[in-house]
Amino acid sequence: MSQFTFLQAEFPAIYESANKAFSAAHPDPCTACFYARRALELTVNWLYNPHSADVTDVTGNFENSSLEDFS
């Protein structure tokens, strides 16, 4: 069981990168750094672009919506 299992259902791409970073921390720190950065970039992208395709696929709540709907 991974420390990032809670991400698996809603954010599979973030989970995959975070889990790979964790798994590679001791055997290959450079690879771990790459996957940690990727996980962080995916998370920041999700935070600042909540209407991106990845989020709509997960939630299904943003079809035909705009930022004005949330003002």
C-alpha atoms as a PDB file:
ATOM      1  CA  MET A   1       0.000   0.000   0.000  1.00  0.00           C
ATOM      2  CA  SER A   2       1.336   3.399  -1.010  1.00  0.00           C
ATOM      3  CA  GLN A   3       1.310   6.617   0.947  1.00  0.00           C
ATOM      4  CA  PHE A   4      -0.492   8.136  -2.027  1.00  0.00           C
ATOM      5  CA  THR A   5      -3.328   5.639  -2.395  1.00  0.00           C
ATOM      6  CA  PHE A   6      -5.850   8.358  -1.509  1.00  0.00           C
ATOM      7  CA  LEU A   7      -5.034  10.027  -4.845  1.00  0.00           C
ATOM      8  CA  GLN A   8      -5.524   6.945  -6.984  1.00  0.00           C
ATOM      9  CA  ALA A   9      -9.273   7.145  -7.581  1.00  0.00           C
ATOM     10  CA  GLU A  10      -9.605  10.851  -8.367  1.00  0.00           C
ATOM     11  CA  PHE A  11      -6.158  11.770  -9.690  1.00  0.00           C
ATOM     12  CA  PRO A  12      -4.532   8.724 -11.307  1.00  0.00           C
ATOM     13  CA  ALA A  13      -1.818  10.702 -13.136  1.00  0.00           C
ATOM     14  CA  ILE A  14      -0.737  12.480  -9.947  1.00  0.00           C
ATOM     15  CA  TYR A  15      -0.878   9.206  -8.019  1.00  0.00           C
ATOM     16  CA  GLU A  16       1.288   7.432 -10.579  1.00  0.00           C
ATOM     17  CA  SER A  17       3.989  10.115 -10.540  1.00  0.00           C
ATOM     18  CA  ALA A  18       3.967  10.491  -6.745  1.00  0.00           C
ATOM     19  CA  ASN A  19       4.146   6.736  -6.240  1.00  0.00           C
ATOM     20  CA  LYS A  20       7.037   6.404  -8.705  1.00  0.00           C
ATOM     21  CA  ALA A  21       8.884   9.225  -6.926  1.00  0.00           C
ATOM     22  CA  PHE A  22       8.415   7.531  -3.574  1.00  0.00           C
ATOM     23  CA  SER A  23       9.499   4.134  -4.904  1.00  0.00           C
ATOM     24  CA  ALA A  24      12.643   5.552  -6.520  1.00  0.00           C
ATOM     25  CA  ALA A  25      13.739   7.753  -3.595  1.00  0.00           C
ATOM     26  CA  HIS A  26      16.467   5.427  -2.306  1.00  0.00           C
ATOM     27  CA  PRO A  27      17.546   3.413  -5.355  1.00  0.00           C
ATOM     28  CA  ASP A  28      17.603   6.334  -7.819  1.00  0.00           C
ATOM     29  CA  PRO A  29      17.243   9.860  -6.363  1.00  0.00           C
ATOM     30  CA  CYS A  30      17.502  11.575  -9.768  1.00  0.00           C
ATOM     31  CA  THR A  31      14.542   9.600 -11.088  1.00  0.00           C
ATOM     32  CA  ALA A  32      12.657  10.298  -7.853  1.00  0.00           C
ATOM     33  CA  CYS A  33      13.271  14.022  -8.340  1.00  0.00           C
ATOM     34  CA  PHE A  34      11.910  13.857 -11.892  1.00  0.00           C
ATOM     35  CA  TYR A  35       8.700  12.110 -10.822  1.00  0.00           C
ATOM     36  CA  ALA A  36       8.248  14.363  -7.772  1.00  0.00           C
ATOM     37  CA  ARG A  37       8.465  17.419 -10.007  1.00  0.00           C
ATOM     38  CA  ARG A  38       6.021  15.864 -12.456  1.00  0.00           C
ATOM     39  CA  ALA A  39       3.548  15.149  -9.654  1.00  0.00           C
ATOM     40  CA  LEU A  40       3.870  18.727  -8.436  1.00  0.00           C
ATOM     41  CA  GLU A  41       3.419  20.166 -11.936  1.00  0.00           C
ATOM     42  CA  LEU A  42       0.289  18.065 -12.476  1.00  0.00           C
ATOM     43  CA  THR A  43      -1.087  19.228  -9.128  1.00  0.00           C
ATOM     44  CA  VAL A  44      -0.385  22.903  -9.817  1.00  0.00           C
ATOM     45  CA  ASN A  45      -1.894  22.558 -13.291  1.00  0.00           C
ATOM     46  CA  TRP A  46      -5.040  21.083 -11.762  1.00  0.00           C
ATOM     47  CA  LEU A  47      -5.215  23.846  -9.126  1.00  0.00           C
ATOM     48  CA  TYR A  48      -4.881  26.706 -11.597  1.00  0.00           C
ATOM     49  CA  ASN A  49      -6.761  25.133 -14.521  1.00  0.00           C
ATOM     50  CA  PRO A  50      -9.751  23.402 -12.915  1.00  0.00           C
ATOM     51  CA  HIS A  51     -11.564  23.296 -16.245  1.00  0.00           C
ATOM     52  CA  SER A  52      -8.889  21.274 -18.004  1.00  0.00           C
ATOM     53  CA  ALA A  53      -9.779  17.999 -19.727  1.00  0.00           C
ATOM     54  CA  ASP A  54      -8.270  15.853 -16.960  1.00  0.00           C
ATOM     55  CA  VAL A  55     -10.504  17.384 -14.302  1.00  0.00           C
ATOM     56  CA  THR A  56     -13.687  17.233 -16.353  1.00  0.00           C
ATOM     57  CA  ASP A  57     -13.016  13.571 -17.042  1.00  0.00           C
ATOM     58  CA  VAL A  58     -12.749  12.914 -13.308  1.00  0.00           C
ATOM     59  CA  THR A  59     -15.615  15.056 -12.017  1.00  0.00           C
ATOM     60  CA  GLY A  60     -17.931  15.437 -14.981  1.00  0.00           C
ATOM     61  CA  ASN A  61     -19.278  18.641 -13.410  1.00  0.00           C
ATOM     62  CA  PHE A  62     -17.827  21.258 -15.725  1.00  0.00           C
ATOM     63  CA  GLU A  63     -19.476  20.533 -19.049  1.00  0.00           C
ATOM     64  CA  ASN A  64     -20.447  23.749 -20.841  1.00  0.00           C
ATOM     65  CA  SER A  65     -19.508  25.878 -17.851  1.00  0.00           C
ATOM     66  CA  SER A  66     -17.454  29.024 -17.648  1.00  0.00           C
ATOM     67  CA  LEU A  67     -15.736  30.989 -14.938  1.00  0.00           C
ATOM     68  CA  GLU A  68     -18.788  33.244 -14.744  1.00  0.00           C
ATOM     69  CA  ASP A  69     -20.796  30.287 -13.409  1.00  0.00           C
ATOM     70  CA  PHE A  70     -18.642  30.296 -10.266  1.00  0.00           C
ATOM     71  CA  SER A  71     -18.639  34.049  -9.521  1.00  0.00           C
END
